Protein backbone atom coordinates (compact mmCIF):
# COMPACT_ATOMS: atom_id res chain seq x y z
CA MET A 1 12.31 -13.53 -3.86
CA SER A 2 11.27 -16.98 -2.70
CA GLY A 3 8.60 -18.35 -0.40
CA LEU A 4 5.95 -15.94 -1.62
CA HIS A 5 2.56 -16.14 0.05
CA VAL A 6 -0.07 -14.10 -1.80
CA VAL A 7 -2.97 -12.85 0.29
CA GLU A 8 -5.78 -11.45 -1.84
CA VAL A 9 -7.90 -8.77 -0.13
CA ALA A 10 -10.41 -7.55 -2.71
CA GLN A 11 -11.72 -4.71 -0.56
CA TRP A 12 -13.24 -1.69 -2.23
CA GLN A 13 -15.27 -0.12 0.57
CA GLY A 14 -12.30 1.93 1.81
CA SER A 15 -12.04 3.80 -1.49
CA GLY A 16 -13.73 7.11 -2.22
CA ALA A 17 -13.62 6.67 -6.00
CA ALA A 18 -16.91 6.40 -7.89
CA THR A 19 -15.45 3.39 -9.71
CA ALA A 20 -14.27 1.64 -6.53
CA PRO A 21 -16.16 -1.67 -7.11
CA ARG A 22 -13.72 -2.33 -9.96
CA LEU A 23 -11.12 -2.99 -7.28
CA ARG A 24 -12.65 -6.41 -6.63
CA GLU A 25 -11.91 -7.71 -10.11
CA GLY A 26 -8.57 -5.91 -10.13
CA ALA A 27 -7.46 -7.66 -6.96
CA VAL A 28 -8.48 -11.08 -8.25
CA ARG A 29 -6.59 -10.66 -11.50
CA LEU A 30 -3.53 -9.09 -9.91
CA ALA A 31 -3.26 -11.96 -7.45
CA GLU A 32 -3.47 -14.44 -10.31
CA LEU A 33 -0.52 -12.81 -12.07
CA ILE A 34 1.90 -13.11 -9.14
CA PRO A 35 3.90 -16.36 -8.96
CA ALA A 36 3.57 -17.86 -5.51
CA GLY A 37 3.82 -21.18 -3.74
CA ARG A 38 0.96 -20.38 -1.38
CA ARG A 39 -2.18 -18.33 -1.82
CA ARG A 40 -5.23 -17.41 0.16
CA THR A 41 -8.25 -15.23 -0.43
CA VAL A 42 -9.66 -13.31 2.50
CA PRO A 43 -13.48 -13.61 2.61
CA LEU A 44 -15.04 -10.17 2.51
CA ALA A 45 -18.44 -8.49 2.37
CA ASN A 46 -19.63 -7.32 -1.04
CA GLY A 47 -21.91 -4.47 -0.02
CA VAL A 48 -21.60 -1.08 1.60
CA GLY A 49 -21.80 -0.48 5.31
CA LYS A 50 -22.64 2.27 7.76
CA ALA A 51 -20.66 5.43 8.30
CA ARG A 52 -19.38 6.18 11.79
CA GLY A 53 -17.18 8.91 13.18
CA GLY A 54 -16.49 10.41 9.78
CA VAL A 55 -15.49 7.10 8.13
CA GLN A 56 -17.60 5.66 5.33
CA ASN A 57 -18.45 1.93 5.56
CA ALA A 58 -16.78 1.77 8.98
CA ASP A 59 -18.54 -1.38 10.18
CA VAL A 60 -17.65 -3.34 7.05
CA LEU A 61 -14.05 -2.18 7.19
CA GLU A 62 -13.75 -3.27 10.81
CA ARG A 63 -14.97 -6.77 9.94
CA HIS A 64 -12.55 -6.91 7.04
CA LEU A 65 -9.68 -5.86 9.29
CA GLN A 66 -10.40 -8.75 11.62
CA ALA A 67 -10.60 -11.15 8.66
CA VAL A 68 -7.22 -10.01 7.31
CA ARG A 69 -5.65 -10.36 10.75
CA ALA A 70 -6.97 -13.93 10.96
CA ALA A 71 -5.62 -14.77 7.51
CA LEU A 72 -2.18 -13.37 8.31
CA ALA A 73 -2.03 -15.38 11.52
CA GLU A 74 -2.09 -18.52 9.36
CA VAL A 75 0.80 -17.51 7.08
CA PRO A 76 3.75 -19.81 7.86
CA ALA A 77 6.77 -18.22 9.47
CA GLY A 78 9.42 -17.49 6.86
CA ASP A 79 7.02 -16.82 4.00
CA LEU A 80 7.16 -13.38 2.43
CA THR A 81 3.62 -12.02 2.48
CA VAL A 82 2.45 -10.21 -0.64
CA ILE A 83 -0.80 -8.35 0.03
CA VAL A 84 -2.92 -7.75 -3.03
CA GLY A 85 -5.71 -5.18 -2.83
CA GLY A 86 -8.17 -3.71 -3.14
CA ASP A 87 -7.87 -0.25 -1.71
CA CYS A 88 -4.90 0.98 0.32
CA ALA A 89 -6.66 0.36 3.61
CA VAL A 90 -5.97 -3.38 3.24
CA ASP A 91 -2.41 -2.65 4.39
CA LEU A 92 -3.30 -1.83 8.00
CA ALA A 93 -3.11 -5.40 9.30
CA PRO A 94 -0.01 -6.43 7.27
CA VAL A 95 2.05 -3.47 8.46
CA GLU A 96 0.83 -4.18 11.97
CA ALA A 97 2.03 -7.78 11.57
CA ALA A 98 5.44 -6.67 10.25
CA LEU A 99 5.82 -4.39 13.26
CA SER A 100 5.18 -7.29 15.60
CA VAL A 101 8.19 -9.07 14.07
CA PHE A 102 10.66 -6.25 13.42
CA GLU A 103 9.53 -3.68 16.01
CA ASP A 104 11.69 -0.55 15.94
CA ARG A 105 13.87 -2.02 13.19
CA LEU A 106 11.09 -1.52 10.58
CA ALA A 107 10.68 1.32 8.10
CA LEU A 108 7.64 1.78 5.87
CA VAL A 109 8.09 3.07 2.32
CA TRP A 110 4.74 4.30 1.00
CA PHE A 111 4.77 4.51 -2.82
CA ASP A 112 1.60 6.45 -3.54
CA ALA A 113 0.42 9.54 -5.36
CA HIS A 114 -1.32 10.53 -2.12
CA ALA A 115 -0.14 10.72 1.48
CA ASP A 116 -3.14 8.88 3.01
CA LEU A 117 -2.59 10.97 6.15
CA ASN A 118 -6.03 12.44 6.66
CA SER A 119 -8.08 11.99 9.80
CA PRO A 120 -11.87 11.56 9.89
CA GLU A 121 -12.05 15.27 10.73
CA SER A 122 -9.83 16.44 7.88
CA SER A 123 -10.86 13.97 5.17
CA PRO A 124 -12.89 15.57 2.37
CA SER A 125 -14.46 12.21 1.44
CA GLY A 126 -14.64 10.05 4.56
CA ALA A 127 -12.84 7.30 2.61
CA PHE A 128 -10.57 5.29 4.87
CA HIS A 129 -7.98 4.61 2.17
CA GLY A 130 -7.02 8.26 2.59
CA MET A 131 -6.58 7.78 6.37
CA VAL A 132 -4.78 4.45 6.66
CA LEU A 133 -1.23 5.78 6.97
CA ARG A 134 -2.44 8.25 9.61
CA ALA A 135 -3.89 5.27 11.48
CA LEU A 136 -0.62 3.36 11.20
CA ILE A 137 1.29 6.17 12.90
CA GLY A 138 -1.08 6.13 15.86
CA ASP A 139 -4.00 8.40 15.00
CA GLY A 140 -6.73 6.13 13.68
CA PRO A 141 -10.48 6.06 14.21
CA GLU A 142 -11.99 3.68 16.74
CA GLY A 143 -12.09 0.11 15.43
CA LEU A 144 -9.56 0.84 12.69
CA ARG A 145 -6.41 1.26 14.73
CA PRO A 146 -3.36 -1.00 14.60
CA ALA A 147 -2.44 -3.04 17.66
CA ARG A 148 0.96 -1.35 17.50
CA SER A 149 1.72 2.01 15.91
CA LEU A 150 4.66 2.89 13.71
CA SER A 151 6.79 5.88 14.65
CA ALA A 152 6.15 8.61 12.08
CA ASP A 153 9.86 9.23 11.59
CA ARG A 154 10.20 5.70 10.16
CA VAL A 155 7.80 6.47 7.30
CA VAL A 156 9.05 7.50 3.86
CA LEU A 157 6.50 8.90 1.42
CA ALA A 158 7.72 8.09 -2.07
CA GLY A 159 6.22 9.77 -5.12
CA ALA A 160 3.36 11.50 -3.31
CA ARG A 161 2.30 14.58 -5.25
CA SER A 162 -1.24 15.32 -4.07
CA LEU A 163 -1.33 16.25 -0.39
CA ASP A 164 -4.14 18.07 1.38
CA PRO A 165 -3.06 21.08 3.50
CA GLY A 166 -3.53 19.17 6.74
CA GLU A 167 -1.40 16.33 5.41
CA GLN A 168 1.37 18.71 4.41
CA ASP A 169 1.36 20.16 7.92
CA LEU A 170 1.45 16.71 9.49
CA VAL A 171 4.43 15.65 7.37
CA GLY A 172 6.41 18.57 8.75
CA ARG A 173 5.25 18.26 12.35
CA ARG A 174 5.77 14.50 12.67
CA GLY A 175 9.08 14.23 10.83
CA ILE A 176 7.80 12.12 7.95
CA ARG A 177 10.31 11.91 5.13
CA HIS A 178 8.85 12.85 1.74
CA LEU A 179 10.54 12.23 -1.59
CA CYS A 180 9.00 13.72 -4.70
CA VAL A 181 8.97 11.94 -8.07
CA GLU A 182 12.12 13.72 -9.26
CA GLN A 183 14.04 12.49 -6.22
CA LEU A 184 13.26 8.89 -7.18
CA ALA A 185 15.06 9.07 -10.53
CA GLY A 186 18.00 7.31 -8.84
CA PRO A 187 18.22 5.20 -5.69
CA GLY A 188 20.42 7.51 -3.63
CA PRO A 189 17.84 9.79 -1.97
CA LEU A 190 15.50 6.91 -1.16
CA LEU A 191 18.24 4.77 0.37
CA ASP A 192 19.49 7.74 2.37
CA ALA A 193 15.96 8.39 3.68
CA VAL A 194 15.50 4.81 4.83
CA ARG A 195 18.99 4.65 6.32
CA ALA A 196 18.19 7.78 8.32
CA THR A 197 15.33 5.94 10.03
CA GLY A 198 17.82 3.47 11.50
CA ALA A 199 15.76 0.57 10.18
CA GLU A 200 17.08 -2.83 9.18
CA ALA A 201 13.91 -4.03 7.45
CA VAL A 202 11.48 -2.33 5.11
CA TYR A 203 7.83 -2.86 4.27
CA VAL A 204 6.98 -1.68 0.76
CA HIS A 205 3.48 -0.38 0.01
CA ILE A 206 2.70 0.27 -3.67
CA ASP A 207 -0.46 2.08 -4.67
CA LEU A 208 -0.45 1.81 -8.44
CA ASP A 209 -1.49 5.45 -8.75
CA VAL A 210 2.14 6.29 -7.95
CA LEU A 211 2.68 5.55 -11.64
CA ASP A 212 2.04 8.25 -14.19
CA PRO A 213 -1.54 7.86 -15.52
CA GLN A 214 -0.26 8.04 -19.09
CA ILE A 215 1.49 4.75 -18.32
CA PHE A 216 -1.13 3.18 -16.06
CA PRO A 217 -4.54 4.87 -15.91
CA ALA A 218 -6.46 1.97 -14.32
CA VAL A 219 -6.77 3.53 -10.86
CA GLY A 220 -9.55 5.43 -9.13
CA THR A 221 -7.65 8.62 -8.28
CA PRO A 222 -4.99 9.24 -10.94
CA GLU A 223 -2.56 12.12 -10.53
CA PRO A 224 -0.35 13.47 -13.33
CA GLY A 225 3.41 13.55 -13.12
CA GLY A 226 3.99 10.10 -11.65
CA LEU A 227 6.72 7.49 -11.81
CA GLY A 228 7.62 5.30 -14.74
CA VAL A 229 7.71 1.54 -14.36
CA GLU A 230 11.49 1.29 -14.40
CA GLU A 231 11.82 4.08 -11.85
CA LEU A 232 9.49 2.21 -9.51
CA LEU A 233 11.25 -1.10 -10.01
CA GLY A 234 14.68 0.44 -9.61
CA ALA A 235 13.63 2.01 -6.32
CA VAL A 236 12.21 -1.23 -4.91
CA ARG A 237 15.21 -3.28 -6.07
CA ALA A 238 17.57 -0.85 -4.38
CA LEU A 239 15.63 -1.22 -1.14
CA THR A 240 15.58 -5.00 -1.24
CA ASP A 241 19.29 -5.16 -2.08
CA GLU A 242 20.13 -3.35 1.17
CA PHE A 243 17.30 -4.04 3.61
CA THR A 244 15.37 -7.12 4.71
CA LEU A 245 12.00 -7.09 2.98
CA ALA A 246 9.32 -7.38 5.65
CA GLY A 247 6.39 -7.46 3.25
CA VAL A 248 5.01 -5.87 0.11
CA ALA A 249 1.59 -4.70 -1.03
CA LEU A 250 0.16 -3.93 -4.45
CA THR A 251 -3.08 -1.96 -4.30
CA GLU A 252 -5.70 0.14 -6.10
CA TYR A 253 -5.89 -1.66 -9.45
CA GLU A 254 -9.28 -0.92 -11.02
CA ARG A 255 -9.51 -3.38 -13.87
CA THR A 256 -11.25 -2.00 -16.98
CA GLU A 257 -12.89 -3.52 -20.04
CA GLY A 258 -9.84 -3.12 -22.26
CA ALA A 259 -7.35 -4.68 -19.85
CA ASP A 260 -4.62 -5.81 -22.28
CA GLN A 261 -2.48 -2.67 -22.05
CA GLU A 262 -2.81 -2.33 -18.29
CA GLU A 263 -2.00 -6.02 -17.80
CA ALA A 264 1.14 -5.58 -19.89
CA VAL A 265 2.29 -2.92 -17.42
CA LEU A 266 1.38 -5.13 -14.47
CA ARG A 267 3.35 -8.02 -15.91
CA ARG A 268 6.41 -5.80 -16.24
CA ILE A 269 6.08 -4.79 -12.60
CA ILE A 270 5.47 -8.34 -11.38
CA ASP A 271 8.33 -9.77 -13.42
CA GLY A 272 10.62 -7.08 -12.06
CA LEU A 273 9.60 -7.65 -8.47
CA PHE A 274 8.99 -11.39 -8.25
CA ARG A 275 10.84 -13.01 -11.16
CA PRO A 276 14.50 -11.96 -10.74
CA ASP A 277 15.57 -14.13 -13.68
CA GLN A 278 13.47 -11.98 -16.01
CA ARG A 279 14.90 -8.61 -14.99
C-alpha cells in the first residue's frame, strides 16, 4: 500500500469498558507504529459528556464526529486513509466518506468479536461503540447518524462471536452476511461473501478484539475463540488482492503497563498490512 494517510482518533467515550481511557494512549502508540507519508491527529475532548436518548456521552461523541468529518475533508484525494482509534465508533465518519466516493460499489467488512448492531433501546450499556454498525446501516440515534447509509446486505461480519439476541435477529432480518472464526481459516468464504454483495471496493474495519485474547488481550471486551494474527492478515490480503481498498481502521487497543508483548503482535499486523516487503 502506498500514499497512506494516518488519522489518529483517540476517542474513548464511545466504549463501555471500565478501562476505556486506556484507548487514548493505545491510539497514540498505534498511530506511531504505522508507516505513513501524512499524519494528522483529530483534536478531541478528554472528559465524559451527557447521556441522551440511551447513548452515553452523546454530546461529546457528536462533537467528535464533526471533528473527524472535518479532518477527513482535508485528506488529499488519492491517499488511502488509515483510521486509528480509539473505540469502534470512530469509524462512522470514515465509512460515510468512503460511501460518498464508491456509493453502491462499496462493501464493509467488519472484523470484530462483536456485531456492534445494538440500538439505544437494545443496548445493555448505552455505549455507542456497540451501536455504530447499526447506525451505519441507517438506524442511528439523533446526532450520530451518517450522511449516507450503507445497505445492510453489503455488510460482512467477520469473526463476530458475541451477539446479543436482538443483534442476531437483525442479522437475519436485514440480510447481513456473518462469517464465524472457523470460516475465516481460508479466504474462500470471505471472498465469496464480498463478491455476493456486488461490490468493487471494500472498507476494512478491524477491532483488535477479533483476535483471540490469548494472543492479544489488550482490549476492553475480550472474547475467547478469536482469530490468530496470520488468519487476520490472510483474510485482509485476500480482500485487497481482489477489491479496491476504500479505507481501513484499527481500533480498540487499550495499551497496558507491560506493552512489549502486545506491541510485538501489533508490529506483526502492521508489517503484514502496510509493509508488503516484510510479508
